[in-house]
Amino acid sequence: MGDKKADLVLKNCSLVSVYTREIIPKTQISIIGDRIAYVGPDASHTIGPKTAVIDVKEKYVSPGFADPHVHIDQFVLPSELAKKSLLCGVTSLFSDPIDIVSAAGYKGFQEFLKLGENLPIRIFQVVPGGLPVDRKFSNSKTLSLTQE
C-alpha cells in the first residue's frame, strides 16, 4: 500500500499456506485499515510511530475459510451464524436461501438479504433451484427472471 505505514503488524506468525501445504515460520503480516498490506519475513519497512506491533508467539495464522454451502435461513439469523462461523475461521458463506424463498417469495428474500448486510463476514446468496417441485403438491413461492 505504497509508503503508508501499517496500523498493525503481527510478528512471529506460523503462517498456514493453503497453496503449498506448509507452515511458514516467523512470518510477519502488516495490516492497514481492513487490508493486508504485506506478508513476508520482515515487515520493518511498514512500521511507523503509530503502528501497533503484536508478537503472536508462533501461533498459527491462516487465510479465512469459506463455507461453500449453507442454509442460513433454516436455523438462525445471519448475524448469529456469522458470530459462530468467525470463531471457526470462516469469513465467507455461500448461502442457499431455498426455504425463505419458498415460504416468503421474492419480497421475503429481499428482507432476508437486509439481515446479512453490515456483518463482519461475507455472505454470497445463490439463486435457489428446484422451487417448487410440483405445483400440484406445493404452494411454494418462486423466483423468476423479472421480479416486482
C-alpha atoms as a PDB file:
ATOM      1  CA  MET A   1       0.000   0.000   0.000  1.00  0.00           C
ATOM      2  CA  GLY A   2       2.736   2.351  -1.004  1.00  0.00           C
ATOM      3  CA  ASP A   3       4.508   4.461   1.578  1.00  0.00           C
ATOM      4  CA  LYS A   4       1.711   4.253   4.127  1.00  0.00           C
ATOM      5  CA  LYS A   5       2.730   2.766   7.460  1.00  0.00           C
ATOM      6  CA  ALA A   6       0.789  -0.144   8.886  1.00  0.00           C
ATOM      7  CA  ASP A   7      -1.816   0.206  11.601  1.00  0.00           C
ATOM      8  CA  LEU A   8      -0.925  -3.252  12.887  1.00  0.00           C
ATOM      9  CA  VAL A   9       1.966  -5.685  12.412  1.00  0.00           C
ATOM     10  CA  LEU A  10       1.750  -9.295  13.571  1.00  0.00           C
ATOM     11  CA  LYS A  11       5.200 -10.777  14.232  1.00  0.00           C
ATOM     12  CA  ASN A  12       6.335 -14.384  14.708  1.00  0.00           C
ATOM     13  CA  CYS A  13       3.334 -15.904  12.931  1.00  0.00           C
ATOM     14  CA  SER A  14       3.262 -19.540  11.883  1.00  0.00           C
ATOM     15  CA  LEU A  15       1.613 -18.934   8.516  1.00  0.00           C
ATOM     16  CA  VAL A  16      -0.517 -21.764   7.125  1.00  0.00           C
ATOM     17  CA  SER A  17      -0.030 -21.760   3.355  1.00  0.00           C
ATOM     18  CA  VAL A  18      -3.108 -23.308   1.775  1.00  0.00           C
ATOM     19  CA  TYR A  19      -1.299 -23.302  -1.577  1.00  0.00           C
ATOM     20  CA  THR A  20       1.918 -25.117  -0.675  1.00  0.00           C
ATOM     21  CA  ARG A  21       0.519 -27.099   2.275  1.00  0.00           C
ATOM     22  CA  GLU A  22       3.290 -25.952   4.554  1.00  0.00           C
ATOM     23  CA  ILE A  23       3.709 -23.930   7.711  1.00  0.00           C
ATOM     24  CA  ILE A  24       5.935 -20.898   7.129  1.00  0.00           C
ATOM     25  CA  PRO A  25       7.524 -19.908  10.461  1.00  0.00           C
ATOM     26  CA  LYS A  26       8.441 -16.411  11.650  1.00  0.00           C
ATOM     27  CA  THR A  27       6.168 -14.681   9.140  1.00  0.00           C
ATOM     28  CA  GLN A  28       5.202 -11.040   9.618  1.00  0.00           C
ATOM     29  CA  ILE A  29       1.900  -9.548   8.486  1.00  0.00           C
ATOM     30  CA  SER A  30       1.165  -5.825   8.075  1.00  0.00           C
ATOM     31  CA  ILE A  31      -2.380  -4.507   8.107  1.00  0.00           C
ATOM     32  CA  ILE A  32      -3.606  -1.073   7.025  1.00  0.00           C
ATOM     33  CA  GLY A  33      -7.257  -0.447   7.845  1.00  0.00           C
ATOM     34  CA  ASP A  34      -9.095  -3.594   6.824  1.00  0.00           C
ATOM     35  CA  ARG A  35      -6.491  -4.681   4.237  1.00  0.00           C
ATOM     36  CA  ILE A  36      -3.477  -6.943   4.456  1.00  0.00           C
ATOM     37  CA  ALA A  37      -0.620  -4.865   3.051  1.00  0.00           C
ATOM     38  CA  TYR A  38       2.366  -7.195   3.480  1.00  0.00           C
ATOM     39  CA  VAL A  39       3.091 -10.845   4.236  1.00  0.00           C
ATOM     40  CA  GLY A  40       6.700 -11.962   4.467  1.00  0.00           C
ATOM     41  CA  PRO A  41       9.781 -12.413   6.622  1.00  0.00           C
ATOM     42  CA  ASP A  42      10.425  -8.750   7.531  1.00  0.00           C
ATOM     43  CA  ALA A  43       7.729  -6.088   7.865  1.00  0.00           C
ATOM     44  CA  SER A  44      10.028  -3.489   9.425  1.00  0.00           C
ATOM     45  CA  HIS A  45       9.583  -1.188   6.415  1.00  0.00           C
ATOM     46  CA  THR A  46       5.848  -0.932   7.232  1.00  0.00           C
ATOM     47  CA  ILE A  47       6.280   0.006  10.910  1.00  0.00           C
ATOM     48  CA  GLY A  48       5.777   3.651  11.825  1.00  0.00           C
ATOM     49  CA  PRO A  49       5.486   5.545  15.109  1.00  0.00           C
ATOM     50  CA  LYS A  50       1.752   4.762  15.433  1.00  0.00           C
ATOM     51  CA  THR A  51       1.949   1.104  14.343  1.00  0.00           C
ATOM     52  CA  ALA A  52       0.798  -1.446  16.921  1.00  0.00           C
ATOM     53  CA  VAL A  53       3.124  -4.468  16.897  1.00  0.00           C
ATOM     54  CA  ILE A  54       1.928  -7.769  18.363  1.00  0.00           C
ATOM     55  CA  ASP A  55       4.154 -10.807  18.855  1.00  0.00           C
ATOM     56  CA  VAL A  56       1.756 -13.720  18.292  1.00  0.00           C
ATOM     57  CA  LYS A  57       4.380 -16.155  19.639  1.00  0.00           C
ATOM     58  CA  GLU A  58       4.291 -18.662  16.768  1.00  0.00           C
ATOM     59  CA  LYS A  59       0.514 -19.070  16.814  1.00  0.00           C
ATOM     60  CA  TYR A  60      -0.999 -20.253  13.539  1.00  0.00           C
ATOM     61  CA  VAL A  61      -2.367 -17.687  11.103  1.00  0.00           C
ATOM     62  CA  SER A  62      -4.329 -18.734   8.023  1.00  0.00           C
ATOM     63  CA  PRO A  63      -6.487 -17.196   5.322  1.00  0.00           C
ATOM     64  CA  GLY A  64     -10.182 -17.038   6.135  1.00  0.00           C
ATOM     65  CA  PHE A  65     -12.109 -20.183   5.306  1.00  0.00           C
ATOM     66  CA  ALA A  66     -15.239 -20.327   3.133  1.00  0.00           C
ATOM     67  CA  ASP A  67     -18.310 -22.453   3.819  1.00  0.00           C
ATOM     68  CA  PRO A  68     -19.393 -23.368   0.285  1.00  0.00           C
ATOM     69  CA  HIS A  69     -22.965 -24.457   1.064  1.00  0.00           C
ATOM     70  CA  VAL A  70     -25.065 -23.327   4.000  1.00  0.00           C
ATOM     71  CA  HIS A  71     -28.785 -22.798   4.567  1.00  0.00           C
ATOM     72  CA  ILE A  72     -28.751 -19.819   6.919  1.00  0.00           C
ATOM     73  CA  ASP A  73     -32.492 -19.359   6.595  1.00  0.00           C
ATOM     74  CA  GLN A  74     -33.277 -22.786   8.082  1.00  0.00           C
ATOM     75  CA  PHE A  75     -31.804 -22.266  11.511  1.00  0.00           C
ATOM     76  CA  VAL A  76     -30.663 -18.826  12.636  1.00  0.00           C
ATOM     77  CA  LEU A  77     -30.347 -15.183  11.810  1.00  0.00           C
ATOM     78  CA  PRO A  78     -27.335 -14.352   9.622  1.00  0.00           C
ATOM     79  CA  SER A  79     -25.821 -12.310  12.467  1.00  0.00           C
ATOM     80  CA  GLU A  80     -25.813 -15.327  14.804  1.00  0.00           C
ATOM     81  CA  LEU A  81     -24.304 -17.654  12.206  1.00  0.00           C
ATOM     82  CA  ALA A  82     -21.667 -15.007  11.479  1.00  0.00           C
ATOM     83  CA  LYS A  83     -20.591 -14.995  15.150  1.00  0.00           C
ATOM     84  CA  LYS A  84     -20.194 -18.775  15.273  1.00  0.00           C
ATOM     85  CA  SER A  85     -18.560 -19.004  11.852  1.00  0.00           C
ATOM     86  CA  LEU A  86     -15.930 -16.381  12.628  1.00  0.00           C
ATOM     87  CA  LEU A  87     -14.929 -18.303  15.765  1.00  0.00           C
ATOM     88  CA  CYS A  88     -14.045 -21.210  13.446  1.00  0.00           C
ATOM     89  CA  GLY A  89     -12.112 -19.059  10.975  1.00  0.00           C
ATOM     90  CA  VAL A  90     -14.903 -18.919   8.385  1.00  0.00           C
ATOM     91  CA  THR A  91     -15.018 -15.477   6.762  1.00  0.00           C
ATOM     92  CA  SER A  92     -17.242 -16.226   3.737  1.00  0.00           C
ATOM     93  CA  LEU A  93     -20.563 -18.055   3.493  1.00  0.00           C
ATOM     94  CA  PHE A  94     -22.312 -19.243   0.340  1.00  0.00           C
ATOM     95  CA  SER A  95     -25.972 -19.392   1.283  1.00  0.00           C
ATOM     96  CA  ASP A  96     -28.762 -21.243  -0.492  1.00  0.00           C
ATOM     97  CA  PRO A  97     -31.944 -19.431   0.649  1.00  0.00           C
ATOM     98  CA  ILE A  98     -34.334 -22.087  -0.672  1.00  0.00           C
ATOM     99  CA  ASP A  99     -36.559 -22.107   2.412  1.00  0.00           C
ATOM    100  CA  ILE A 100     -37.060 -18.360   2.792  1.00  0.00           C
ATOM    101  CA  VAL A 101     -37.802 -18.044  -0.942  1.00  0.00           C
ATOM    102  CA  SER A 102     -40.207 -20.972  -0.812  1.00  0.00           C
ATOM    103  CA  ALA A 103     -42.079 -19.535   2.164  1.00  0.00           C
ATOM    104  CA  ALA A 104     -41.888 -15.788   1.568  1.00  0.00           C
ATOM    105  CA  GLY A 105     -41.142 -15.309  -2.127  1.00  0.00           C
ATOM    106  CA  TYR A 106     -39.094 -12.503  -3.609  1.00  0.00           C
ATOM    107  CA  LYS A 107     -40.159  -9.833  -1.104  1.00  0.00           C
ATOM    108  CA  GLY A 108     -39.265 -12.083   1.812  1.00  0.00           C
ATOM    109  CA  PHE A 109     -35.946 -12.863   0.165  1.00  0.00           C
ATOM    110  CA  GLN A 110     -35.246  -9.119  -0.149  1.00  0.00           C
ATOM    111  CA  GLU A 111     -35.896  -8.701   3.583  1.00  0.00           C
ATOM    112  CA  PHE A 112     -33.657 -11.684   4.339  1.00  0.00           C
ATOM    113  CA  LEU A 113     -30.840 -10.089   2.314  1.00  0.00           C
ATOM    114  CA  LYS A 114     -31.006  -6.997   4.527  1.00  0.00           C
ATOM    115  CA  LEU A 115     -30.274  -9.169   7.583  1.00  0.00           C
ATOM    116  CA  GLY A 116     -26.912 -10.102   6.059  1.00  0.00           C
ATOM    117  CA  GLU A 117     -25.756  -6.539   5.448  1.00  0.00           C
ATOM    118  CA  ASN A 118     -23.064  -4.844   7.539  1.00  0.00           C
ATOM    119  CA  LEU A 119     -21.812  -8.053   9.131  1.00  0.00           C
ATOM    120  CA  PRO A 120     -18.114  -8.838   9.680  1.00  0.00           C
ATOM    121  CA  ILE A 121     -18.439 -11.780   7.294  1.00  0.00           C
ATOM    122  CA  ARG A 122     -19.104 -12.022   3.559  1.00  0.00           C
ATOM    123  CA  ILE A 123     -22.373 -13.698   2.576  1.00  0.00           C
ATOM    124  CA  PHE A 124     -22.933 -14.710  -1.021  1.00  0.00           C
ATOM    125  CA  GLN A 125     -26.511 -15.712  -1.850  1.00  0.00           C
ATOM    126  CA  VAL A 126     -27.029 -18.264  -4.600  1.00  0.00           C
ATOM    127  CA  VAL A 127     -30.255 -18.494  -6.566  1.00  0.00           C
ATOM    128  CA  PRO A 128     -32.203 -21.460  -5.207  1.00  0.00           C
ATOM    129  CA  GLY A 129     -33.091 -24.107  -7.727  1.00  0.00           C
ATOM    130  CA  GLY A 130     -35.986 -26.525  -7.942  1.00  0.00           C
ATOM    131  CA  LEU A 131     -38.812 -24.459  -6.496  1.00  0.00           C
ATOM    132  CA  PRO A 132     -41.459 -25.652  -6.379  1.00  0.00           C
ATOM    133  CA  VAL A 133     -41.044 -29.338  -7.038  1.00  0.00           C
ATOM    134  CA  ASP A 134     -44.569 -29.703  -8.425  1.00  0.00           C
ATOM    135  CA  ARG A 135     -47.282 -27.032  -8.161  1.00  0.00           C
ATOM    136  CA  LYS A 136     -49.945 -29.728  -7.642  1.00  0.00           C
ATOM    137  CA  PHE A 137     -48.319 -30.667  -4.327  1.00  0.00           C
ATOM    138  CA  SER A 138     -46.987 -27.321  -3.128  1.00  0.00           C
ATOM    139  CA  ASN A 139     -47.954 -23.707  -2.704  1.00  0.00           C
ATOM    140  CA  SER A 140     -44.301 -22.624  -2.569  1.00  0.00           C
ATOM    141  CA  LYS A 141     -43.271 -19.250  -3.894  1.00  0.00           C
ATOM    142  CA  THR A 142     -40.877 -18.993  -6.835  1.00  0.00           C
ATOM    143  CA  LEU A 143     -38.374 -16.611  -8.343  1.00  0.00           C
ATOM    144  CA  SER A 144     -38.386 -15.562 -11.967  1.00  0.00           C
ATOM    145  CA  LEU A 145     -36.039 -13.542 -14.145  1.00  0.00           C
ATOM    146  CA  THR A 146     -38.138 -10.446 -13.535  1.00  0.00           C
ATOM    147  CA  GLN A 147     -39.462  -9.560 -10.110  1.00  0.00           C
ATOM    148  CA  GLU A 148     -41.719  -6.754  -8.970  1.00  0.00           C
END
